[in-house]
């Protein structure tokens, strides 16, 4: 191919140079990293659910919430179409990059409360930070009751399964 023929097969570029005809140029759209092109907000309820599930996973946690909230929850759970509230006993305050949590738990009799509280704190922090990317600045735990071995559960099993 002669130089003149090759020149016919080239196209002008925006920077004044030439490139072969048919060459596909990638156009850079927007600026910067895609992660910086918008904002993600996470609702308090999302963090509360994550923390509630993580706290329930800890051995020695019998239930979440105060006696009154568990009683109302048991009634609500029995209503057709009702579902268990995984965020019962959890209150979250969510900012743009940080969150703080308050948990109310019931522990099983015989467990070391300080150890259970520490395990809950560690599990909740790990789950919330991993799933949301938020920094957990504090997890306050209030132990509202101890479940004795001979006590009946306030949430009896349904008659129909």
N, C-alpha and C. Protein backbone atom coordinates (compact mmCIF):
# COMPACT_ATOMS: atom_id res chain seq x y z
N UNK A 1 0.85 -1.16 0.00
CA UNK A 1 0.00 0.00 0.00
C UNK A 1 0.90 1.23 0.00
N UNK A 2 0.59 2.16 -0.87
CA UNK A 2 1.39 3.37 -0.97
C UNK A 2 1.06 4.29 0.19
N UNK A 3 1.91 5.25 0.40
CA UNK A 3 1.70 6.20 1.50
C UNK A 3 0.40 6.97 1.31
N UNK A 4 0.07 7.33 0.08
CA UNK A 4 -1.17 8.07 -0.18
C UNK A 4 -2.37 7.20 0.12
N UNK A 5 -2.31 5.91 -0.20
CA UNK A 5 -3.43 5.00 0.07
C UNK A 5 -3.57 4.79 1.58
N UNK A 6 -2.46 4.68 2.26
CA UNK A 6 -2.51 4.50 3.71
C UNK A 6 -3.11 5.74 4.37
N UNK A 7 -2.78 6.92 3.81
CA UNK A 7 -3.31 8.16 4.38
C UNK A 7 -4.82 8.23 4.21
N UNK A 8 -5.35 7.65 3.14
CA UNK A 8 -6.79 7.64 2.94
C UNK A 8 -7.48 6.74 3.95
N UNK A 9 -6.77 5.77 4.47
CA UNK A 9 -7.33 4.83 5.44
C UNK A 9 -7.12 5.29 6.88
N UNK A 10 -6.73 6.54 7.05
CA UNK A 10 -6.54 7.09 8.38
C UNK A 10 -7.58 8.16 8.62
N UNK A 11 -7.87 8.42 9.88
CA UNK A 11 -8.83 9.45 10.23
C UNK A 11 -8.17 10.43 11.18
N UNK A 12 -8.65 11.62 11.18
CA UNK A 12 -8.09 12.67 12.03
C UNK A 12 -8.56 12.44 13.47
N UNK A 13 -7.68 12.60 14.44
CA UNK A 13 -8.06 12.49 15.85
C UNK A 13 -8.20 13.88 16.45
N UNK A 14 -8.83 13.95 17.61
CA UNK A 14 -9.07 15.25 18.24
C UNK A 14 -7.78 15.94 18.67
N UNK A 15 -6.73 15.17 18.88
CA UNK A 15 -5.48 15.79 19.31
C UNK A 15 -4.56 16.15 18.14
N UNK A 16 -5.12 16.08 16.91
CA UNK A 16 -4.34 16.48 15.75
C UNK A 16 -3.62 15.34 15.08
N UNK A 17 -3.51 14.20 15.68
CA UNK A 17 -2.84 13.05 15.10
C UNK A 17 -3.79 12.26 14.22
N UNK A 18 -3.30 11.15 13.71
CA UNK A 18 -4.15 10.29 12.90
C UNK A 18 -4.10 8.88 13.45
N UNK A 19 -5.15 8.13 13.13
CA UNK A 19 -5.18 6.73 13.52
C UNK A 19 -5.82 5.96 12.38
N UNK A 20 -5.56 4.67 12.28
CA UNK A 20 -6.14 3.88 11.18
C UNK A 20 -7.66 3.95 11.23
N UNK A 21 -8.26 4.03 10.04
CA UNK A 21 -9.70 4.06 9.91
C UNK A 21 -10.28 2.78 10.50
N UNK A 22 -11.35 2.88 11.22
CA UNK A 22 -11.97 1.70 11.83
C UNK A 22 -11.45 1.40 13.22
N UNK A 23 -10.42 2.11 13.65
CA UNK A 23 -9.92 1.90 15.00
C UNK A 23 -10.95 2.46 15.98
N UNK A 24 -11.28 1.70 16.94
CA UNK A 24 -12.29 2.11 17.91
C UNK A 24 -11.60 2.78 19.08
N UNK A 25 -12.00 4.00 19.33
CA UNK A 25 -11.43 4.74 20.46
C UNK A 25 -12.37 4.65 21.63
N UNK A 26 -11.84 4.40 22.80
CA UNK A 26 -12.69 4.39 23.99
C UNK A 26 -12.85 5.82 24.47
N UNK A 27 -14.07 6.19 24.66
CA UNK A 27 -14.35 7.54 25.14
C UNK A 27 -14.50 7.48 26.64
N UNK A 28 -13.73 8.26 27.33
CA UNK A 28 -13.81 8.30 28.78
C UNK A 28 -14.97 9.19 29.17
N UNK A 29 -15.97 8.61 29.78
CA UNK A 29 -17.15 9.36 30.17
C UNK A 29 -17.07 9.67 31.66
N UNK A 30 -17.51 10.85 32.01
CA UNK A 30 -17.46 11.23 33.42
C UNK A 30 -16.02 11.42 33.85
N UNK A 31 -15.84 11.58 35.10
CA UNK A 31 -14.48 11.76 35.58
C UNK A 31 -14.24 10.93 36.82
N UNK A 32 -13.12 10.35 36.90
CA UNK A 32 -12.72 9.65 38.10
C UNK A 32 -13.32 8.26 38.24
N UNK A 33 -13.11 7.73 39.39
CA UNK A 33 -13.54 6.38 39.75
C UNK A 33 -15.07 6.29 39.81
N UNK A 34 -15.68 5.24 39.25
CA UNK A 34 -17.13 5.11 39.32
C UNK A 34 -17.69 5.13 40.74
N UNK A 35 -16.91 4.71 41.71
CA UNK A 35 -17.37 4.71 43.10
C UNK A 35 -17.61 6.12 43.62
N UNK A 36 -17.02 7.11 42.99
CA UNK A 36 -17.19 8.49 43.45
C UNK A 36 -18.32 9.21 42.72
N UNK A 37 -19.03 8.52 41.86
CA UNK A 37 -20.08 9.14 41.06
C UNK A 37 -21.46 8.89 41.65
N UNK A 38 -21.69 9.37 42.80
CA UNK A 38 -23.00 9.21 43.44
C UNK A 38 -22.85 8.95 44.92
N UNK A 39 -23.99 8.83 45.56
CA UNK A 39 -24.00 8.67 47.00
C UNK A 39 -24.84 7.46 47.37
N UNK A 40 -24.41 6.70 48.34
CA UNK A 40 -25.17 5.58 48.85
C UNK A 40 -25.59 5.92 50.27
N UNK A 41 -26.89 5.80 50.53
CA UNK A 41 -27.37 6.01 51.89
C UNK A 41 -27.94 4.69 52.40
N UNK A 42 -27.73 4.44 53.67
CA UNK A 42 -28.20 3.21 54.30
C UNK A 42 -29.14 3.60 55.42
N UNK A 43 -30.35 3.07 55.37
CA UNK A 43 -31.38 3.40 56.36
C UNK A 43 -31.05 2.78 57.71
N UNK A 44 -31.53 3.43 58.77
CA UNK A 44 -31.34 2.93 60.13
C UNK A 44 -31.84 1.48 60.24
N UNK A 45 -32.99 1.21 59.64
CA UNK A 45 -33.60 -0.12 59.73
C UNK A 45 -32.74 -1.22 59.15
N UNK A 46 -31.97 -0.89 58.12
CA UNK A 46 -31.08 -1.88 57.51
C UNK A 46 -29.99 -2.27 58.50
N UNK A 47 -29.38 -1.27 59.12
CA UNK A 47 -28.32 -1.53 60.10
C UNK A 47 -28.91 -2.27 61.31
N UNK A 48 -30.13 -1.91 61.71
CA UNK A 48 -30.78 -2.58 62.85
C UNK A 48 -31.02 -4.06 62.56
N UNK A 49 -31.44 -4.40 61.36
CA UNK A 49 -31.65 -5.80 61.01
C UNK A 49 -30.34 -6.59 61.01
N UNK A 50 -29.31 -6.01 60.41
CA UNK A 50 -28.01 -6.68 60.38
C UNK A 50 -27.52 -6.93 61.79
N UNK A 51 -27.60 -5.89 62.65
CA UNK A 51 -27.12 -6.02 64.03
C UNK A 51 -27.97 -7.02 64.81
N UNK A 52 -29.29 -7.01 64.60
CA UNK A 52 -30.17 -7.94 65.30
C UNK A 52 -29.85 -9.39 64.97
N UNK A 53 -29.64 -9.67 63.68
CA UNK A 53 -29.30 -11.04 63.28
C UNK A 53 -27.93 -11.45 63.82
N UNK A 54 -26.98 -10.54 63.78
CA UNK A 54 -25.63 -10.84 64.28
C UNK A 54 -25.64 -11.10 65.78
N UNK A 55 -26.44 -10.33 66.53
CA UNK A 55 -26.51 -10.52 67.98
C UNK A 55 -27.16 -11.85 68.33
N UNK A 56 -28.20 -12.24 67.59
CA UNK A 56 -28.89 -13.49 67.86
C UNK A 56 -28.02 -14.71 67.59
N UNK A 57 -27.00 -14.55 66.75
CA UNK A 57 -26.09 -15.65 66.42
C UNK A 57 -25.16 -16.02 67.57
N UNK A 58 -25.07 -15.17 68.57
CA UNK A 58 -24.12 -15.40 69.66
C UNK A 58 -24.73 -16.36 70.68
N UNK A 59 -23.94 -17.37 71.05
CA UNK A 59 -24.36 -18.36 72.05
C UNK A 59 -24.55 -17.65 73.39
N UNK A 60 -25.68 -17.87 74.02
CA UNK A 60 -25.97 -17.25 75.31
C UNK A 60 -27.00 -16.14 75.21
N UNK A 61 -27.27 -15.66 73.98
CA UNK A 61 -28.32 -14.65 73.77
C UNK A 61 -29.62 -15.42 73.59
N UNK A 62 -30.55 -15.23 74.54
CA UNK A 62 -31.82 -15.93 74.47
C UNK A 62 -32.82 -15.18 73.60
N UNK A 63 -32.87 -13.87 73.75
CA UNK A 63 -33.81 -13.04 72.99
C UNK A 63 -33.30 -11.62 72.93
N UNK A 64 -34.02 -10.82 72.15
CA UNK A 64 -33.68 -9.41 72.02
C UNK A 64 -34.87 -8.57 72.45
N UNK A 65 -34.60 -7.43 73.10
CA UNK A 65 -35.65 -6.51 73.49
C UNK A 65 -36.06 -6.69 74.94
N UNK A 66 -36.85 -5.70 75.42
CA UNK A 66 -37.34 -5.76 76.79
C UNK A 66 -38.52 -6.72 76.85
N UNK A 67 -38.97 -7.03 78.05
CA UNK A 67 -40.10 -7.93 78.23
C UNK A 67 -41.34 -7.43 77.53
N UNK A 68 -41.60 -6.14 77.61
CA UNK A 68 -42.78 -5.57 76.99
C UNK A 68 -42.73 -5.66 75.47
N UNK A 69 -41.58 -5.32 74.88
CA UNK A 69 -41.47 -5.39 73.43
C UNK A 69 -41.55 -6.83 72.94
N UNK A 70 -41.03 -7.78 73.73
CA UNK A 70 -41.12 -9.19 73.34
C UNK A 70 -42.57 -9.67 73.40
N UNK A 71 -43.33 -9.20 74.40
CA UNK A 71 -44.73 -9.58 74.51
C UNK A 71 -45.52 -9.06 73.32
N UNK A 72 -45.35 -7.78 73.00
CA UNK A 72 -46.05 -7.22 71.84
C UNK A 72 -45.60 -7.91 70.56
N UNK A 73 -44.33 -8.24 70.49
CA UNK A 73 -43.81 -8.93 69.31
C UNK A 73 -44.40 -10.31 69.16
N UNK A 74 -44.60 -11.01 70.28
CA UNK A 74 -45.19 -12.34 70.23
C UNK A 74 -46.62 -12.28 69.72
N UNK A 75 -47.37 -11.27 70.13
CA UNK A 75 -48.74 -11.09 69.65
C UNK A 75 -48.71 -10.77 68.16
N UNK A 76 -47.83 -9.86 67.74
CA UNK A 76 -47.73 -9.48 66.33
C UNK A 76 -47.31 -10.67 65.47
N UNK A 77 -46.44 -11.54 66.00
CA UNK A 77 -45.97 -12.69 65.24
C UNK A 77 -47.10 -13.69 64.99
N UNK A 78 -48.10 -13.73 65.88
CA UNK A 78 -49.19 -14.68 65.72
C UNK A 78 -50.25 -14.20 64.74
N UNK A 79 -50.24 -12.93 64.39
CA UNK A 79 -51.20 -12.39 63.43
C UNK A 79 -50.84 -12.92 62.05
N UNK A 80 -51.86 -13.44 61.31
CA UNK A 80 -51.57 -13.94 59.96
C UNK A 80 -50.92 -12.85 59.11
N UNK A 81 -49.84 -13.21 58.45
CA UNK A 81 -49.12 -12.25 57.63
C UNK A 81 -48.05 -11.51 58.40
N UNK A 82 -48.08 -11.64 59.72
CA UNK A 82 -47.06 -10.99 60.54
C UNK A 82 -45.74 -11.73 60.43
N UNK A 83 -44.67 -11.04 60.66
CA UNK A 83 -43.37 -11.69 60.60
C UNK A 83 -42.55 -11.30 61.82
N UNK A 84 -41.57 -12.14 62.13
CA UNK A 84 -40.71 -11.85 63.27
C UNK A 84 -39.90 -10.60 62.99
N UNK A 85 -39.79 -9.76 63.99
CA UNK A 85 -39.02 -8.55 63.84
C UNK A 85 -37.58 -8.84 64.23
N UNK A 86 -36.70 -8.88 63.25
CA UNK A 86 -35.30 -9.16 63.54
C UNK A 86 -34.60 -7.97 64.16
N UNK A 87 -35.24 -6.79 64.06
CA UNK A 87 -34.61 -5.60 64.62
C UNK A 87 -35.12 -5.28 66.02
N UNK A 88 -35.96 -6.15 66.59
CA UNK A 88 -36.46 -5.92 67.95
C UNK A 88 -35.28 -5.86 68.91
N UNK A 89 -35.26 -4.84 69.76
CA UNK A 89 -34.19 -4.69 70.74
C UNK A 89 -32.96 -3.99 70.20
N UNK A 90 -33.05 -3.44 68.98
CA UNK A 90 -31.90 -2.77 68.37
C UNK A 90 -32.31 -1.37 67.94
N UNK A 91 -31.48 -0.40 68.26
CA UNK A 91 -31.68 0.98 67.82
C UNK A 91 -30.37 1.45 67.21
N UNK A 92 -30.45 1.95 65.97
CA UNK A 92 -29.26 2.42 65.28
C UNK A 92 -29.38 3.89 64.93
N UNK A 93 -28.28 4.59 65.01
CA UNK A 93 -28.17 5.96 64.51
C UNK A 93 -27.11 5.90 63.42
N UNK A 94 -27.54 6.20 62.19
CA UNK A 94 -26.66 6.06 61.04
C UNK A 94 -26.33 7.43 60.46
N UNK A 95 -25.03 7.69 60.32
CA UNK A 95 -24.57 8.91 59.66
C UNK A 95 -24.08 8.56 58.27
N UNK A 96 -23.30 9.45 57.68
CA UNK A 96 -22.80 9.20 56.32
C UNK A 96 -21.70 8.14 56.30
N UNK A 97 -20.85 8.11 57.33
CA UNK A 97 -19.74 7.16 57.34
C UNK A 97 -19.65 6.36 58.64
N UNK A 98 -20.46 6.71 59.64
CA UNK A 98 -20.38 6.04 60.94
C UNK A 98 -21.78 5.67 61.42
N UNK A 99 -21.81 4.71 62.35
CA UNK A 99 -23.06 4.33 62.99
C UNK A 99 -22.80 3.98 64.46
N UNK A 100 -23.84 4.18 65.27
CA UNK A 100 -23.78 3.81 66.68
C UNK A 100 -25.02 2.96 66.96
N UNK A 101 -24.87 1.96 67.81
CA UNK A 101 -25.94 1.01 68.06
C UNK A 101 -26.21 0.84 69.55
N UNK A 102 -27.49 0.67 69.88
CA UNK A 102 -27.92 0.30 71.23
C UNK A 102 -28.68 -1.00 71.11
N UNK A 103 -28.27 -2.01 71.89
CA UNK A 103 -28.93 -3.31 71.87
C UNK A 103 -29.45 -3.65 73.25
N UNK A 104 -30.60 -4.28 73.30
CA UNK A 104 -31.17 -4.77 74.55
C UNK A 104 -31.35 -6.27 74.39
N UNK A 105 -30.68 -7.03 75.27
CA UNK A 105 -30.69 -8.48 75.13
C UNK A 105 -31.16 -9.18 76.40
N UNK A 106 -31.59 -10.42 76.22
CA UNK A 106 -31.91 -11.32 77.32
C UNK A 106 -30.91 -12.47 77.19
N UNK A 107 -30.22 -12.77 78.27
CA UNK A 107 -29.21 -13.83 78.23
C UNK A 107 -29.73 -15.08 78.92
N UNK A 108 -29.18 -16.22 78.55
CA UNK A 108 -29.51 -17.48 79.20
C UNK A 108 -28.84 -17.53 80.57
N UNK A 109 -29.53 -18.15 81.53
CA UNK A 109 -28.98 -18.30 82.87
C UNK A 109 -27.73 -19.17 82.81
N UNK A 110 -26.70 -18.77 83.55
CA UNK A 110 -25.49 -19.56 83.66
C UNK A 110 -24.35 -19.09 82.77
N UNK A 111 -24.63 -18.21 81.82
CA UNK A 111 -23.55 -17.72 80.96
C UNK A 111 -22.90 -16.51 81.61
N UNK A 112 -21.65 -16.28 81.27
CA UNK A 112 -20.95 -15.10 81.76
C UNK A 112 -21.42 -13.90 80.95
N UNK A 113 -22.15 -13.01 81.59
CA UNK A 113 -22.77 -11.88 80.89
C UNK A 113 -21.72 -11.01 80.20
N UNK A 114 -20.62 -10.76 80.86
CA UNK A 114 -19.57 -9.93 80.25
C UNK A 114 -19.03 -10.58 78.97
N UNK A 115 -18.86 -11.90 79.00
CA UNK A 115 -18.37 -12.62 77.82
C UNK A 115 -19.38 -12.59 76.68
N UNK A 116 -20.66 -12.77 77.02
CA UNK A 116 -21.71 -12.72 76.00
C UNK A 116 -21.78 -11.32 75.39
N UNK A 117 -21.73 -10.30 76.24
CA UNK A 117 -21.79 -8.92 75.75
C UNK A 117 -20.61 -8.63 74.83
N UNK A 118 -19.42 -9.09 75.20
CA UNK A 118 -18.24 -8.87 74.37
C UNK A 118 -18.38 -9.59 73.02
N UNK A 119 -18.89 -10.83 73.05
CA UNK A 119 -19.07 -11.59 71.81
C UNK A 119 -20.12 -10.95 70.92
N UNK A 120 -21.20 -10.44 71.52
CA UNK A 120 -22.24 -9.73 70.76
C UNK A 120 -21.64 -8.50 70.11
N UNK A 121 -20.91 -7.73 70.89
CA UNK A 121 -20.29 -6.50 70.39
C UNK A 121 -19.38 -6.81 69.19
N UNK A 122 -18.53 -7.81 69.32
CA UNK A 122 -17.60 -8.17 68.25
C UNK A 122 -18.34 -8.66 67.00
N UNK A 123 -19.36 -9.49 67.19
CA UNK A 123 -20.11 -10.04 66.06
C UNK A 123 -20.89 -8.95 65.33
N UNK A 124 -21.50 -8.06 66.10
CA UNK A 124 -22.28 -6.98 65.51
C UNK A 124 -21.37 -6.02 64.73
N UNK A 125 -20.26 -5.64 65.31
CA UNK A 125 -19.33 -4.73 64.64
C UNK A 125 -18.83 -5.36 63.33
N UNK A 126 -18.42 -6.62 63.39
CA UNK A 126 -17.91 -7.28 62.19
C UNK A 126 -18.97 -7.35 61.09
N UNK A 127 -20.20 -7.72 61.45
CA UNK A 127 -21.26 -7.86 60.44
C UNK A 127 -21.65 -6.52 59.84
N UNK A 128 -21.84 -5.52 60.68
CA UNK A 128 -22.28 -4.21 60.18
C UNK A 128 -21.19 -3.57 59.32
N UNK A 129 -19.95 -3.61 59.78
CA UNK A 129 -18.87 -2.99 58.99
C UNK A 129 -18.64 -3.72 57.68
N UNK A 130 -18.74 -5.05 57.70
CA UNK A 130 -18.53 -5.82 56.47
C UNK A 130 -19.63 -5.58 55.46
N UNK A 131 -20.87 -5.54 55.92
CA UNK A 131 -22.00 -5.43 54.99
C UNK A 131 -22.30 -4.00 54.55
N UNK A 132 -22.02 -3.02 55.39
CA UNK A 132 -22.39 -1.65 55.06
C UNK A 132 -21.21 -0.75 54.71
N UNK A 133 -20.03 -1.10 55.19
CA UNK A 133 -18.88 -0.23 54.99
C UNK A 133 -18.84 0.94 55.96
N UNK A 134 -19.84 1.02 56.84
CA UNK A 134 -19.87 2.07 57.85
C UNK A 134 -18.93 1.72 59.00
N UNK A 135 -18.36 2.73 59.63
CA UNK A 135 -17.54 2.50 60.82
C UNK A 135 -18.48 2.48 62.02
N UNK A 136 -18.42 1.40 62.80
CA UNK A 136 -19.23 1.30 64.02
C UNK A 136 -18.43 1.95 65.14
N UNK A 137 -18.95 3.07 65.65
CA UNK A 137 -18.21 3.81 66.67
C UNK A 137 -18.52 3.32 68.07
N UNK A 138 -19.73 2.78 68.28
CA UNK A 138 -20.03 2.21 69.59
C UNK A 138 -21.19 1.25 69.50
N UNK A 139 -21.15 0.24 70.38
CA UNK A 139 -22.24 -0.71 70.52
C UNK A 139 -22.53 -0.80 72.01
N UNK A 140 -23.62 -0.18 72.44
CA UNK A 140 -24.03 -0.22 73.84
C UNK A 140 -24.98 -1.38 74.04
N UNK A 141 -24.73 -2.19 75.06
CA UNK A 141 -25.55 -3.38 75.30
C UNK A 141 -26.17 -3.28 76.68
N UNK A 142 -27.49 -3.41 76.71
CA UNK A 142 -28.22 -3.45 77.98
C UNK A 142 -28.80 -4.85 78.13
N UNK A 143 -28.45 -5.51 79.24
CA UNK A 143 -29.01 -6.83 79.53
C UNK A 143 -30.26 -6.59 80.37
N UNK A 144 -31.43 -6.87 79.78
CA UNK A 144 -32.69 -6.54 80.44
C UNK A 144 -33.28 -7.70 81.22
N UNK A 145 -32.79 -8.93 81.00
CA UNK A 145 -33.36 -10.08 81.69
C UNK A 145 -32.43 -11.28 81.56
N UNK A 146 -32.69 -12.26 82.41
CA UNK A 146 -31.99 -13.54 82.35
C UNK A 146 -33.05 -14.62 82.20
N UNK A 147 -32.90 -15.48 81.22
CA UNK A 147 -33.85 -16.56 80.98
C UNK A 147 -33.44 -17.73 81.88
N UNK A 148 -34.32 -18.02 82.86
CA UNK A 148 -34.08 -19.15 83.76
C UNK A 148 -34.49 -20.45 83.08
N UNK A 149 -33.84 -21.55 83.42
CA UNK A 149 -34.12 -22.82 82.75
C UNK A 149 -35.58 -23.28 82.89
N UNK A 150 -36.23 -22.97 84.02
CA UNK A 150 -37.58 -23.47 84.24
C UNK A 150 -38.66 -22.47 83.81
N UNK A 151 -38.28 -21.32 83.28
CA UNK A 151 -39.25 -20.34 82.80
C UNK A 151 -39.77 -20.74 81.43
N UNK A 152 -41.06 -20.47 81.22
CA UNK A 152 -41.62 -20.70 79.89
C UNK A 152 -41.26 -19.52 79.00
N UNK A 153 -41.13 -19.81 77.73
CA UNK A 153 -40.90 -18.72 76.78
C UNK A 153 -42.15 -17.88 76.67
N UNK A 154 -41.95 -16.58 76.49
CA UNK A 154 -43.09 -15.69 76.29
C UNK A 154 -43.65 -15.83 74.90
N UNK A 155 -42.92 -16.48 74.02
CA UNK A 155 -43.37 -16.67 72.65
C UNK A 155 -43.63 -18.16 72.47
N UNK A 156 -44.83 -18.64 72.84
CA UNK A 156 -45.11 -20.07 72.71
C UNK A 156 -45.14 -20.49 71.25
N UNK A 157 -44.93 -21.80 71.04
CA UNK A 157 -44.96 -22.31 69.67
C UNK A 157 -46.37 -22.26 69.16
N UNK A 158 -46.55 -21.98 67.88
CA UNK A 158 -47.90 -21.94 67.34
C UNK A 158 -48.53 -23.32 67.33
N UNK A 159 -49.88 -23.33 67.45
CA UNK A 159 -50.57 -24.61 67.48
C UNK A 159 -50.57 -25.26 66.10
N UNK A 160 -50.55 -24.46 65.06
CA UNK A 160 -50.54 -24.98 63.71
C UNK A 160 -49.19 -24.73 63.10
N UNK A 161 -48.63 -25.77 62.51
CA UNK A 161 -47.30 -25.62 61.89
C UNK A 161 -47.37 -25.91 60.43
